Amino acid sequence: MSRPRVIDQNKILDAAEAVVAREGAARLTLDAVAAEAGISKASVIYDYKTKQALIKAVIERKVAEENEKTCAAIERLGPVSNARIKGRIAAATPVPDHMQAVAVNLCAALAQDAELRSLLQESLNREVAAILETSDNPRRALLAFLALEGLKLLEFLVLKTWPEPERTKILREIEQLVETPPGTASEEAARADDHGRRTPRKAKVH
């Protein structure tokens, strides 16, 4: 009777992340992951037949971790309005230093693989739908989402970071986009300004 397999998949994915951070996604191989994890290549192949399958699993784990963080933040907020977008804002912690190289290299892999990109596209589409469905003002919630994801992407790619307390202030201001009630002075001013840009003034007749 064969011995049951006891290798933790997280150990393999941790090893894959370490290889990606050190060598880049292009040089990720099943042999390198096996060596990093201290296991046989056959053990890696048992779960992940190809390099693409391994990178896909790494990305899926990252997406799941982000979703768990958001859900935990929403639970901590309790019964508040606009909980989905507020929870996402609350969960937007900076990318840890040891994960920055992994993040950049995974982006490079995503740029070259439409199937991998579809993983994030599907996740973001579900998230946007959930935010719109649970917000008092869906349009303002969408703008807050776009502002938040822009900040996160800049940090993710290590293009721009903000020190504390400036980062916390920015997140608070993004949240204020959601909290501005419809019909307030700022809301009406924004609509009037938008209307003025779209409606050309009539030329004066001399």
N, C-alpha and C. Protein backbone atom coordinates (compact mmCIF):
# COMPACT_ATOMS: atom_id res chain seq x y z
N MET A 1 0.85 -1.19 0.00
CA MET A 1 0.00 0.00 0.00
C MET A 1 0.89 1.24 0.00
N SER A 2 0.62 2.20 -0.90
CA SER A 2 1.48 3.37 -1.01
C SER A 2 1.29 4.31 0.17
N ARG A 3 2.36 5.01 0.50
CA ARG A 3 2.32 5.96 1.60
C ARG A 3 1.56 7.21 1.16
N PRO A 4 0.67 7.76 2.02
CA PRO A 4 -0.10 8.95 1.62
C PRO A 4 0.81 10.16 1.43
N ARG A 5 0.45 11.00 0.47
CA ARG A 5 1.23 12.18 0.16
C ARG A 5 0.96 13.26 1.21
N VAL A 6 2.03 13.85 1.78
CA VAL A 6 1.83 14.80 2.87
C VAL A 6 2.49 16.17 2.58
N ILE A 7 2.94 16.39 1.37
CA ILE A 7 3.60 17.65 1.04
C ILE A 7 2.57 18.78 1.00
N ASP A 8 2.83 19.85 1.73
CA ASP A 8 1.94 21.01 1.79
C ASP A 8 2.08 21.82 0.50
N GLN A 9 0.95 22.08 -0.16
CA GLN A 9 0.99 22.87 -1.39
C GLN A 9 1.51 24.28 -1.13
N ASN A 10 1.22 24.83 0.05
CA ASN A 10 1.72 26.16 0.36
C ASN A 10 3.25 26.21 0.39
N LYS A 11 3.86 25.10 0.78
CA LYS A 11 5.32 25.02 0.77
C LYS A 11 5.85 25.15 -0.65
N ILE A 12 5.17 24.50 -1.59
CA ILE A 12 5.58 24.58 -3.00
C ILE A 12 5.38 26.00 -3.53
N LEU A 13 4.24 26.62 -3.20
CA LEU A 13 3.97 27.97 -3.68
C LEU A 13 4.90 29.00 -3.03
N ASP A 14 5.24 28.79 -1.77
CA ASP A 14 6.22 29.67 -1.11
C ASP A 14 7.57 29.58 -1.83
N ALA A 15 7.94 28.36 -2.20
CA ALA A 15 9.20 28.16 -2.92
C ALA A 15 9.15 28.82 -4.29
N ALA A 16 8.01 28.73 -4.96
CA ALA A 16 7.86 29.36 -6.27
C ALA A 16 8.01 30.88 -6.15
N GLU A 17 7.41 31.46 -5.13
CA GLU A 17 7.54 32.90 -4.91
C GLU A 17 8.99 33.30 -4.65
N ALA A 18 9.70 32.48 -3.90
CA ALA A 18 11.10 32.77 -3.61
C ALA A 18 11.94 32.74 -4.89
N VAL A 19 11.67 31.78 -5.76
CA VAL A 19 12.40 31.69 -7.02
C VAL A 19 12.06 32.89 -7.92
N VAL A 20 10.79 33.25 -7.97
CA VAL A 20 10.36 34.39 -8.78
C VAL A 20 11.02 35.67 -8.28
N ALA A 21 11.07 35.85 -6.97
CA ALA A 21 11.67 37.06 -6.40
C ALA A 21 13.16 37.14 -6.72
N ARG A 22 13.83 36.01 -6.72
CA ARG A 22 15.29 35.98 -6.91
C ARG A 22 15.68 35.94 -8.39
N GLU A 23 14.95 35.16 -9.19
CA GLU A 23 15.36 34.91 -10.58
C GLU A 23 14.44 35.55 -11.62
N GLY A 24 13.21 35.91 -11.20
CA GLY A 24 12.24 36.42 -12.16
C GLY A 24 11.33 35.31 -12.66
N ALA A 25 10.13 35.68 -13.11
CA ALA A 25 9.17 34.68 -13.56
C ALA A 25 9.66 33.94 -14.79
N ALA A 26 10.44 34.59 -15.64
CA ALA A 26 10.92 33.96 -16.87
C ALA A 26 11.83 32.77 -16.58
N ARG A 27 12.52 32.81 -15.45
CA ARG A 27 13.45 31.74 -15.11
C ARG A 27 12.88 30.74 -14.11
N LEU A 28 11.61 30.86 -13.85
CA LEU A 28 10.97 29.90 -12.95
C LEU A 28 10.89 28.54 -13.64
N THR A 29 11.38 27.52 -12.98
CA THR A 29 11.28 26.16 -13.50
C THR A 29 10.82 25.24 -12.38
N LEU A 30 10.28 24.10 -12.76
CA LEU A 30 9.85 23.13 -11.76
C LEU A 30 11.05 22.59 -10.99
N ASP A 31 12.19 22.45 -11.67
CA ASP A 31 13.41 21.99 -10.99
C ASP A 31 13.85 22.99 -9.92
N ALA A 32 13.80 24.29 -10.28
CA ALA A 32 14.23 25.32 -9.33
C ALA A 32 13.30 25.36 -8.12
N VAL A 33 12.02 25.19 -8.34
CA VAL A 33 11.06 25.20 -7.24
C VAL A 33 11.27 23.98 -6.34
N ALA A 34 11.50 22.84 -6.94
CA ALA A 34 11.75 21.63 -6.15
C ALA A 34 12.99 21.80 -5.29
N ALA A 35 14.06 22.36 -5.88
CA ALA A 35 15.30 22.57 -5.12
C ALA A 35 15.07 23.55 -3.99
N GLU A 36 14.30 24.62 -4.25
CA GLU A 36 14.02 25.63 -3.22
C GLU A 36 13.21 25.04 -2.07
N ALA A 37 12.27 24.18 -2.41
CA ALA A 37 11.41 23.58 -1.38
C ALA A 37 12.06 22.39 -0.69
N GLY A 38 13.16 21.87 -1.27
CA GLY A 38 13.82 20.70 -0.70
C GLY A 38 13.04 19.42 -0.91
N ILE A 39 12.36 19.33 -2.06
CA ILE A 39 11.59 18.14 -2.37
C ILE A 39 11.96 17.68 -3.79
N SER A 40 11.40 16.57 -4.20
CA SER A 40 11.70 16.06 -5.54
C SER A 40 10.87 16.80 -6.59
N LYS A 41 11.38 16.81 -7.81
CA LYS A 41 10.63 17.42 -8.91
C LYS A 41 9.31 16.69 -9.12
N ALA A 42 9.31 15.40 -8.89
CA ALA A 42 8.08 14.61 -9.05
C ALA A 42 6.99 15.11 -8.10
N SER A 43 7.39 15.56 -6.92
CA SER A 43 6.41 16.07 -5.95
C SER A 43 5.78 17.36 -6.44
N VAL A 44 6.56 18.20 -7.12
CA VAL A 44 6.03 19.43 -7.69
C VAL A 44 5.08 19.10 -8.84
N ILE A 45 5.52 18.19 -9.71
CA ILE A 45 4.72 17.82 -10.88
C ILE A 45 3.40 17.18 -10.47
N TYR A 46 3.38 16.53 -9.31
CA TYR A 46 2.16 15.88 -8.83
C TYR A 46 0.99 16.86 -8.78
N ASP A 47 1.28 18.11 -8.36
CA ASP A 47 0.24 19.13 -8.25
C ASP A 47 0.25 20.12 -9.42
N TYR A 48 1.43 20.41 -9.94
CA TYR A 48 1.55 21.45 -10.97
C TYR A 48 2.35 20.90 -12.14
N LYS A 49 1.63 20.56 -13.18
CA LYS A 49 2.27 19.86 -14.30
C LYS A 49 3.19 20.76 -15.11
N THR A 50 2.91 22.06 -15.13
CA THR A 50 3.69 22.98 -15.96
C THR A 50 4.05 24.24 -15.17
N LYS A 51 4.97 25.00 -15.73
CA LYS A 51 5.35 26.29 -15.16
C LYS A 51 4.14 27.22 -15.11
N GLN A 52 3.35 27.24 -16.18
CA GLN A 52 2.19 28.12 -16.22
C GLN A 52 1.20 27.76 -15.11
N ALA A 53 1.00 26.46 -14.88
CA ALA A 53 0.09 26.03 -13.82
C ALA A 53 0.58 26.48 -12.46
N LEU A 54 1.88 26.49 -12.29
CA LEU A 54 2.46 26.91 -11.02
C LEU A 54 2.28 28.42 -10.81
N ILE A 55 2.56 29.21 -11.85
CA ILE A 55 2.36 30.66 -11.75
C ILE A 55 0.89 30.98 -11.52
N LYS A 56 0.00 30.25 -12.21
CA LYS A 56 -1.43 30.45 -12.03
C LYS A 56 -1.82 30.20 -10.57
N ALA A 57 -1.28 29.16 -9.97
CA ALA A 57 -1.59 28.84 -8.58
C ALA A 57 -1.09 29.92 -7.64
N VAL A 58 0.09 30.49 -7.93
CA VAL A 58 0.64 31.57 -7.12
C VAL A 58 -0.30 32.78 -7.17
N ILE A 59 -0.75 33.13 -8.37
CA ILE A 59 -1.64 34.28 -8.54
C ILE A 59 -2.98 34.03 -7.87
N GLU A 60 -3.52 32.83 -8.03
CA GLU A 60 -4.80 32.49 -7.40
C GLU A 60 -4.70 32.60 -5.88
N ARG A 61 -3.56 32.19 -5.32
CA ARG A 61 -3.40 32.30 -3.87
C ARG A 61 -3.36 33.76 -3.45
N LYS A 62 -2.68 34.61 -4.25
CA LYS A 62 -2.62 36.04 -3.92
C LYS A 62 -4.01 36.67 -3.98
N VAL A 63 -4.79 36.31 -4.99
CA VAL A 63 -6.15 36.84 -5.11
C VAL A 63 -6.99 36.40 -3.91
N ALA A 64 -6.87 35.14 -3.53
CA ALA A 64 -7.62 34.62 -2.39
C ALA A 64 -7.22 35.32 -1.10
N GLU A 65 -5.94 35.58 -0.93
CA GLU A 65 -5.46 36.29 0.26
C GLU A 65 -6.02 37.70 0.33
N GLU A 66 -6.05 38.39 -0.82
CA GLU A 66 -6.60 39.75 -0.85
C GLU A 66 -8.09 39.73 -0.54
N ASN A 67 -8.80 38.75 -1.07
CA ASN A 67 -10.24 38.64 -0.79
C ASN A 67 -10.49 38.37 0.69
N GLU A 68 -9.66 37.54 1.29
CA GLU A 68 -9.79 37.24 2.71
C GLU A 68 -9.54 38.48 3.56
N LYS A 69 -8.53 39.28 3.17
CA LYS A 69 -8.25 40.52 3.88
C LYS A 69 -9.43 41.48 3.81
N THR A 70 -10.02 41.59 2.62
CA THR A 70 -11.16 42.48 2.45
C THR A 70 -12.35 42.02 3.28
N CYS A 71 -12.64 40.72 3.24
CA CYS A 71 -13.76 40.18 4.00
C CYS A 71 -13.56 40.39 5.51
N ALA A 72 -12.32 40.20 5.97
CA ALA A 72 -12.03 40.40 7.40
C ALA A 72 -12.21 41.87 7.78
N ALA A 73 -11.79 42.78 6.89
CA ALA A 73 -11.95 44.22 7.16
C ALA A 73 -13.42 44.60 7.19
N ILE A 74 -14.22 44.03 6.29
CA ILE A 74 -15.65 44.31 6.27
C ILE A 74 -16.31 43.84 7.56
N GLU A 75 -15.89 42.66 8.01
CA GLU A 75 -16.45 42.11 9.26
C GLU A 75 -16.11 43.00 10.45
N ARG A 76 -14.90 43.55 10.46
CA ARG A 76 -14.50 44.43 11.56
C ARG A 76 -15.29 45.74 11.55
N LEU A 77 -15.68 46.20 10.36
CA LEU A 77 -16.45 47.45 10.26
C LEU A 77 -17.84 47.31 10.85
N GLY A 78 -18.40 46.12 10.78
CA GLY A 78 -19.74 45.91 11.30
C GLY A 78 -20.80 46.43 10.33
N PRO A 79 -22.01 46.66 10.83
CA PRO A 79 -23.12 47.07 9.96
C PRO A 79 -23.05 48.55 9.59
N VAL A 80 -22.22 48.90 8.63
CA VAL A 80 -22.10 50.28 8.17
C VAL A 80 -22.51 50.35 6.70
N SER A 81 -22.85 51.54 6.25
CA SER A 81 -23.19 51.72 4.84
C SER A 81 -21.93 51.66 3.99
N ASN A 82 -22.07 51.27 2.74
CA ASN A 82 -20.94 51.20 1.81
C ASN A 82 -19.82 50.29 2.32
N ALA A 83 -20.22 49.21 2.98
CA ALA A 83 -19.23 48.37 3.67
C ALA A 83 -18.23 47.74 2.72
N ARG A 84 -18.64 47.39 1.51
CA ARG A 84 -17.72 46.67 0.60
C ARG A 84 -16.54 47.54 0.20
N ILE A 85 -16.82 48.76 -0.25
CA ILE A 85 -15.72 49.62 -0.68
C ILE A 85 -14.93 50.11 0.53
N LYS A 86 -15.58 50.38 1.64
CA LYS A 86 -14.86 50.80 2.84
C LYS A 86 -13.96 49.68 3.36
N GLY A 87 -14.44 48.45 3.28
CA GLY A 87 -13.61 47.32 3.70
C GLY A 87 -12.40 47.16 2.81
N ARG A 88 -12.57 47.38 1.51
CA ARG A 88 -11.44 47.28 0.58
C ARG A 88 -10.41 48.37 0.86
N ILE A 89 -10.89 49.56 1.20
CA ILE A 89 -9.97 50.64 1.55
C ILE A 89 -9.22 50.30 2.83
N ALA A 90 -9.95 49.80 3.83
CA ALA A 90 -9.33 49.45 5.11
C ALA A 90 -8.31 48.34 4.96
N ALA A 91 -8.51 47.46 3.98
CA ALA A 91 -7.61 46.32 3.79
C ALA A 91 -6.39 46.66 2.92
N ALA A 92 -6.32 47.89 2.45
CA ALA A 92 -5.25 48.28 1.51
C ALA A 92 -3.94 48.58 2.24
N THR A 93 -3.32 47.55 2.75
CA THR A 93 -2.03 47.71 3.42
C THR A 93 -0.91 47.75 2.39
N PRO A 94 0.22 48.38 2.71
CA PRO A 94 1.33 48.45 1.74
C PRO A 94 1.88 47.07 1.41
N VAL A 95 2.46 46.95 0.22
CA VAL A 95 3.10 45.70 -0.18
C VAL A 95 4.36 45.50 0.68
N PRO A 96 4.48 44.37 1.38
CA PRO A 96 5.68 44.14 2.19
C PRO A 96 6.95 44.16 1.33
N ASP A 97 8.04 44.59 1.91
CA ASP A 97 9.29 44.71 1.16
C ASP A 97 9.68 43.39 0.49
N HIS A 98 9.51 42.28 1.21
CA HIS A 98 9.94 40.98 0.66
C HIS A 98 9.06 40.50 -0.47
N MET A 99 7.88 41.17 -0.67
CA MET A 99 6.97 40.75 -1.73
C MET A 99 7.06 41.65 -2.96
N GLN A 100 7.83 42.74 -2.88
CA GLN A 100 7.86 43.68 -4.00
C GLN A 100 8.44 43.06 -5.27
N ALA A 101 9.53 42.32 -5.13
CA ALA A 101 10.14 41.68 -6.30
C ALA A 101 9.19 40.64 -6.90
N VAL A 102 8.48 39.92 -6.05
CA VAL A 102 7.50 38.94 -6.53
C VAL A 102 6.40 39.65 -7.31
N ALA A 103 5.91 40.77 -6.76
CA ALA A 103 4.83 41.51 -7.40
C ALA A 103 5.23 41.99 -8.80
N VAL A 104 6.40 42.58 -8.90
CA VAL A 104 6.86 43.11 -10.19
C VAL A 104 7.01 41.98 -11.21
N ASN A 105 7.59 40.87 -10.80
CA ASN A 105 7.81 39.76 -11.73
C ASN A 105 6.51 39.06 -12.13
N LEU A 106 5.55 39.02 -11.22
CA LEU A 106 4.26 38.44 -11.57
C LEU A 106 3.54 39.32 -12.59
N CYS A 107 3.72 40.63 -12.47
CA CYS A 107 3.13 41.54 -13.47
C CYS A 107 3.72 41.27 -14.85
N ALA A 108 5.01 40.99 -14.90
CA ALA A 108 5.65 40.67 -16.17
C ALA A 108 5.06 39.40 -16.77
N ALA A 109 4.79 38.42 -15.90
CA ALA A 109 4.19 37.17 -16.38
C ALA A 109 2.76 37.41 -16.88
N LEU A 110 2.01 38.26 -16.18
CA LEU A 110 0.65 38.57 -16.58
C LEU A 110 0.61 39.25 -17.95
N ALA A 111 1.59 40.12 -18.19
CA ALA A 111 1.62 40.86 -19.45
C ALA A 111 1.79 39.94 -20.65
N GLN A 112 2.35 38.76 -20.43
CA GLN A 112 2.64 37.85 -21.53
C GLN A 112 1.65 36.70 -21.64
N ASP A 113 0.64 36.66 -20.77
CA ASP A 113 -0.25 35.50 -20.77
C ASP A 113 -1.70 35.96 -20.55
N ALA A 114 -2.52 35.85 -21.59
CA ALA A 114 -3.91 36.30 -21.52
C ALA A 114 -4.72 35.48 -20.52
N GLU A 115 -4.40 34.18 -20.39
CA GLU A 115 -5.14 33.32 -19.45
C GLU A 115 -4.89 33.75 -18.02
N LEU A 116 -3.65 34.12 -17.72
CA LEU A 116 -3.35 34.59 -16.37
C LEU A 116 -4.03 35.92 -16.10
N ARG A 117 -4.05 36.80 -17.09
CA ARG A 117 -4.70 38.10 -16.90
C ARG A 117 -6.20 37.92 -16.64
N SER A 118 -6.78 36.92 -17.26
CA SER A 118 -8.22 36.70 -17.09
C SER A 118 -8.57 36.37 -15.64
N LEU A 119 -7.63 35.78 -14.91
CA LEU A 119 -7.87 35.49 -13.49
C LEU A 119 -8.16 36.77 -12.72
N LEU A 120 -7.31 37.78 -12.94
CA LEU A 120 -7.49 39.05 -12.25
C LEU A 120 -8.69 39.80 -12.79
N GLN A 121 -8.92 39.72 -14.09
CA GLN A 121 -10.06 40.42 -14.69
C GLN A 121 -11.37 39.91 -14.10
N GLU A 122 -11.50 38.60 -13.97
CA GLU A 122 -12.71 38.01 -13.42
C GLU A 122 -12.88 38.41 -11.95
N SER A 123 -11.79 38.41 -11.20
CA SER A 123 -11.85 38.78 -9.79
C SER A 123 -12.26 40.25 -9.64
N LEU A 124 -11.67 41.12 -10.45
CA LEU A 124 -11.99 42.54 -10.37
C LEU A 124 -13.42 42.82 -10.83
N ASN A 125 -13.88 42.12 -11.85
CA ASN A 125 -15.26 42.30 -12.30
C ASN A 125 -16.25 41.93 -11.20
N ARG A 126 -15.97 40.84 -10.49
CA ARG A 126 -16.85 40.45 -9.38
C ARG A 126 -16.81 41.49 -8.27
N GLU A 127 -15.61 42.00 -8.01
CA GLU A 127 -15.47 42.98 -6.93
C GLU A 127 -16.20 44.28 -7.26
N VAL A 128 -16.04 44.76 -8.49
CA VAL A 128 -16.74 45.99 -8.90
C VAL A 128 -18.25 45.80 -8.80
N ALA A 129 -18.75 44.66 -9.26
CA ALA A 129 -20.19 44.39 -9.19
C ALA A 129 -20.67 44.41 -7.75
N ALA A 130 -19.90 43.80 -6.83
CA ALA A 130 -20.28 43.76 -5.42
C ALA A 130 -20.28 45.16 -4.82
N ILE A 131 -19.29 45.98 -5.19
CA ILE A 131 -19.21 47.34 -4.68
C ILE A 131 -20.40 48.17 -5.15
N LEU A 132 -20.73 48.07 -6.43
CA LEU A 132 -21.85 48.84 -6.97
C LEU A 132 -23.18 48.42 -6.35
N GLU A 133 -23.33 47.14 -6.09
CA GLU A 133 -24.59 46.63 -5.54
C GLU A 133 -24.78 47.01 -4.08
N THR A 134 -23.70 47.28 -3.36
CA THR A 134 -23.79 47.51 -1.91
C THR A 134 -23.52 48.96 -1.52
N SER A 135 -23.47 49.87 -2.48
CA SER A 135 -23.14 51.26 -2.19
C SER A 135 -24.36 52.16 -2.30
N ASP A 136 -24.43 53.15 -1.42
CA ASP A 136 -25.52 54.12 -1.47
C ASP A 136 -25.43 54.98 -2.73
N ASN A 137 -24.21 55.29 -3.14
CA ASN A 137 -23.98 56.07 -4.35
C ASN A 137 -22.98 55.31 -5.21
N PRO A 138 -23.46 54.42 -6.08
CA PRO A 138 -22.57 53.56 -6.86
C PRO A 138 -21.51 54.31 -7.65
N ARG A 139 -21.88 55.47 -8.20
CA ARG A 139 -20.91 56.20 -9.02
C ARG A 139 -19.73 56.67 -8.19
N ARG A 140 -20.01 57.22 -7.01
CA ARG A 140 -18.93 57.70 -6.15
C ARG A 140 -18.11 56.53 -5.61
N ALA A 141 -18.76 55.41 -5.36
CA ALA A 141 -18.04 54.21 -4.91
C ALA A 141 -17.10 53.73 -6.01
N LEU A 142 -17.54 53.80 -7.26
CA LEU A 142 -16.69 53.39 -8.38
C LEU A 142 -15.47 54.30 -8.50
N LEU A 143 -15.67 55.61 -8.33
CA LEU A 143 -14.55 56.54 -8.38
C LEU A 143 -13.56 56.26 -7.26
N ALA A 144 -14.09 55.95 -6.07
CA ALA A 144 -13.21 55.61 -4.95
C ALA A 144 -12.43 54.34 -5.24
N PHE A 145 -13.09 53.37 -5.84
CA PHE A 145 -12.42 52.12 -6.21
C PHE A 145 -11.28 52.39 -7.20
N LEU A 146 -11.53 53.22 -8.19
CA LEU A 146 -10.50 53.53 -9.19
C LEU A 146 -9.33 54.26 -8.55
N ALA A 147 -9.62 55.20 -7.66
CA ALA A 147 -8.54 55.92 -6.98
C ALA A 147 -7.72 54.97 -6.11
N LEU A 148 -8.40 54.08 -5.41
CA LEU A 148 -7.71 53.12 -4.53
C LEU A 148 -6.83 52.18 -5.33
N GLU A 149 -7.37 51.63 -6.42
CA GLU A 149 -6.60 50.68 -7.21
C GLU A 149 -5.44 51.35 -7.92
N GLY A 150 -5.59 52.63 -8.27
CA GLY A 150 -4.46 53.36 -8.85
C GLY A 150 -3.32 53.49 -7.85
N LEU A 151 -3.65 53.81 -6.61
CA LEU A 151 -2.63 53.91 -5.56
C LEU A 151 -1.96 52.55 -5.34
N LYS A 152 -2.76 51.50 -5.26
CA LYS A 152 -2.22 50.17 -5.00
C LYS A 152 -1.32 49.70 -6.14
N LEU A 153 -1.72 50.01 -7.38
CA LEU A 153 -0.93 49.58 -8.53
C LEU A 153 0.43 50.27 -8.54
N LEU A 154 0.46 51.56 -8.24
CA LEU A 154 1.74 52.28 -8.18
C LEU A 154 2.65 51.67 -7.13
N GLU A 155 2.07 51.29 -6.00
CA GLU A 155 2.87 50.66 -4.94
C GLU A 155 3.28 49.25 -5.35
N PHE A 156 2.37 48.53 -5.99
CA PHE A 156 2.61 47.16 -6.41
C PHE A 156 3.79 47.07 -7.37
N LEU A 157 3.87 48.05 -8.27
CA LEU A 157 4.95 48.08 -9.26
C LEU A 157 6.18 48.82 -8.77
N VAL A 158 6.13 49.25 -7.53
CA VAL A 158 7.23 49.98 -6.90
C VAL A 158 7.58 51.24 -7.72
N LEU A 159 6.55 51.90 -8.22
CA LEU A 159 6.75 53.13 -8.97
C LEU A 159 6.62 54.36 -8.08
N LYS A 160 5.76 54.27 -7.06
CA LYS A 160 5.56 55.39 -6.16
C LYS A 160 5.00 54.89 -4.84
N THR A 161 5.57 55.35 -3.75
CA THR A 161 5.07 55.01 -2.42
C THR A 161 4.92 56.29 -1.61
N TRP A 162 4.09 56.23 -0.60
CA TRP A 162 3.85 57.38 0.26
C TRP A 162 4.16 57.00 1.71
N PRO A 163 4.92 57.81 2.39
CA PRO A 163 5.23 57.52 3.80
C PRO A 163 4.02 57.81 4.68
N GLU A 164 4.01 57.19 5.84
CA GLU A 164 2.98 57.54 6.82
C GLU A 164 3.38 58.87 7.49
N PRO A 165 2.43 59.71 7.86
CA PRO A 165 0.97 59.48 7.82
C PRO A 165 0.30 59.91 6.52
N GLU A 166 1.08 60.29 5.50
CA GLU A 166 0.49 60.76 4.24
C GLU A 166 -0.35 59.67 3.58
N ARG A 167 0.13 58.43 3.64
CA ARG A 167 -0.64 57.34 3.00
C ARG A 167 -2.00 57.16 3.65
N THR A 168 -2.03 57.19 4.98
CA THR A 168 -3.29 57.06 5.70
C THR A 168 -4.22 58.21 5.36
N LYS A 169 -3.66 59.40 5.21
CA LYS A 169 -4.47 60.57 4.85
C LYS A 169 -5.09 60.39 3.47
N ILE A 170 -4.32 59.87 2.52
CA ILE A 170 -4.84 59.64 1.17
C ILE A 170 -5.99 58.64 1.20
N LEU A 171 -5.82 57.55 1.95
CA LEU A 171 -6.88 56.55 2.05
C LEU A 171 -8.13 57.15 2.69
N ARG A 172 -7.94 58.00 3.68
CA ARG A 172 -9.09 58.64 4.33
C ARG A 172 -9.83 59.55 3.35
N GLU A 173 -9.07 60.24 2.51
CA GLU A 173 -9.69 61.12 1.51
C GLU A 173 -10.41 60.32 0.42
N ILE A 174 -9.86 59.15 0.08
CA ILE A 174 -10.56 58.28 -0.87
C ILE A 174 -11.88 57.81 -0.27
N GLU A 175 -11.85 57.50 1.01
CA GLU A 175 -13.09 57.06 1.68
C GLU A 175 -14.11 58.19 1.71
N GLN A 176 -13.64 59.42 1.82
CA GLN A 176 -14.56 60.56 1.84
C GLN A 176 -15.32 60.70 0.52
N LEU A 177 -14.74 60.19 -0.57
CA LEU A 177 -15.46 60.18 -1.85
C LEU A 177 -16.75 59.38 -1.71
N VAL A 178 -16.68 58.30 -0.94
CA VAL A 178 -17.84 57.44 -0.76
C VAL A 178 -18.84 58.06 0.20
N GLU A 179 -18.33 58.74 1.23
CA GLU A 179 -19.19 59.22 2.31
C GLU A 179 -19.94 60.49 1.97
N THR A 180 -19.57 61.21 0.91
CA THR A 180 -20.28 62.43 0.54
C THR A 180 -21.68 62.07 0.08
N PRO A 181 -22.71 62.48 0.82
CA PRO A 181 -24.08 62.09 0.47
C PRO A 181 -24.53 62.73 -0.83
N PRO A 182 -25.39 62.05 -1.58
CA PRO A 182 -25.94 62.64 -2.79
C PRO A 182 -26.72 63.91 -2.47
N GLY A 183 -26.62 64.93 -3.31
CA GLY A 183 -27.37 66.15 -3.11
C GLY A 183 -26.69 67.19 -2.26
N THR A 184 -25.48 66.90 -1.74
CA THR A 184 -24.77 67.89 -0.95
C THR A 184 -24.18 68.94 -1.87
N ALA A 185 -23.65 70.00 -1.28
CA ALA A 185 -23.12 71.11 -2.07
C ALA A 185 -22.00 70.66 -2.98
N SER A 186 -21.09 69.80 -2.45
CA SER A 186 -19.96 69.34 -3.26
C SER A 186 -20.43 68.47 -4.41
N GLU A 187 -21.47 67.66 -4.16
CA GLU A 187 -22.02 66.80 -5.21
C GLU A 187 -22.66 67.65 -6.30
N GLU A 188 -23.44 68.65 -5.90
CA GLU A 188 -24.10 69.50 -6.87
C GLU A 188 -23.09 70.32 -7.66
N ALA A 189 -22.03 70.77 -6.98
CA ALA A 189 -21.01 71.55 -7.67
C ALA A 189 -20.30 70.71 -8.72
N ALA A 190 -20.03 69.46 -8.39
CA ALA A 190 -19.37 68.57 -9.35
C ALA A 190 -20.25 68.34 -10.57
N ARG A 191 -21.57 68.19 -10.34
CA ARG A 191 -22.49 67.98 -11.46
C ARG A 191 -22.57 69.23 -12.33
N ALA A 192 -22.62 70.40 -11.67
CA ALA A 192 -22.71 71.65 -12.42
C ALA A 192 -21.46 71.87 -13.26
N ASP A 193 -20.30 71.54 -12.67
CA ASP A 193 -19.05 71.71 -13.40
C ASP A 193 -19.00 70.77 -14.59
N ASP A 194 -19.46 69.53 -14.38
CA ASP A 194 -19.47 68.56 -15.48
C ASP A 194 -20.43 69.01 -16.58
N HIS A 195 -21.57 69.56 -16.18
CA HIS A 195 -22.55 70.02 -17.16
C HIS A 195 -21.99 71.20 -17.95
N GLY A 196 -21.25 72.08 -17.26
CA GLY A 196 -20.67 73.23 -17.94
C GLY A 196 -19.64 72.84 -18.97
N ARG A 197 -18.89 71.75 -18.69
CA ARG A 197 -17.89 71.31 -19.65
C ARG A 197 -18.53 70.69 -20.88
N ARG A 198 -19.68 70.06 -20.69
CA ARG A 198 -20.32 69.37 -21.81
C ARG A 198 -21.20 70.28 -22.65
N THR A 199 -21.69 71.40 -22.06
CA THR A 199 -22.60 72.30 -22.78
C THR A 199 -21.84 73.52 -23.27
N PRO A 200 -21.58 73.62 -24.55
CA PRO A 200 -20.83 74.78 -25.05
C PRO A 200 -21.63 76.06 -24.90
N ARG A 201 -20.93 77.12 -24.57
CA ARG A 201 -21.60 78.42 -24.44
C ARG A 201 -21.97 78.96 -25.82
N LYS A 202 -23.12 79.63 -25.87
CA LYS A 202 -23.54 80.23 -27.13
C LYS A 202 -22.71 81.47 -27.42
N ALA A 203 -22.34 81.61 -28.67
CA ALA A 203 -21.54 82.77 -29.05
C ALA A 203 -22.40 84.03 -28.98
N LYS A 204 -21.78 85.09 -28.52
CA LYS A 204 -22.45 86.37 -28.45
C LYS A 204 -22.70 86.92 -29.85
N VAL A 205 -23.88 87.52 -30.03
CA VAL A 205 -24.22 88.12 -31.32
C VAL A 205 -23.97 89.61 -31.24
N HIS A 206 -23.11 90.13 -32.09
CA HIS A 206 -22.80 91.56 -32.08
C HIS A 206 -23.59 92.28 -33.15
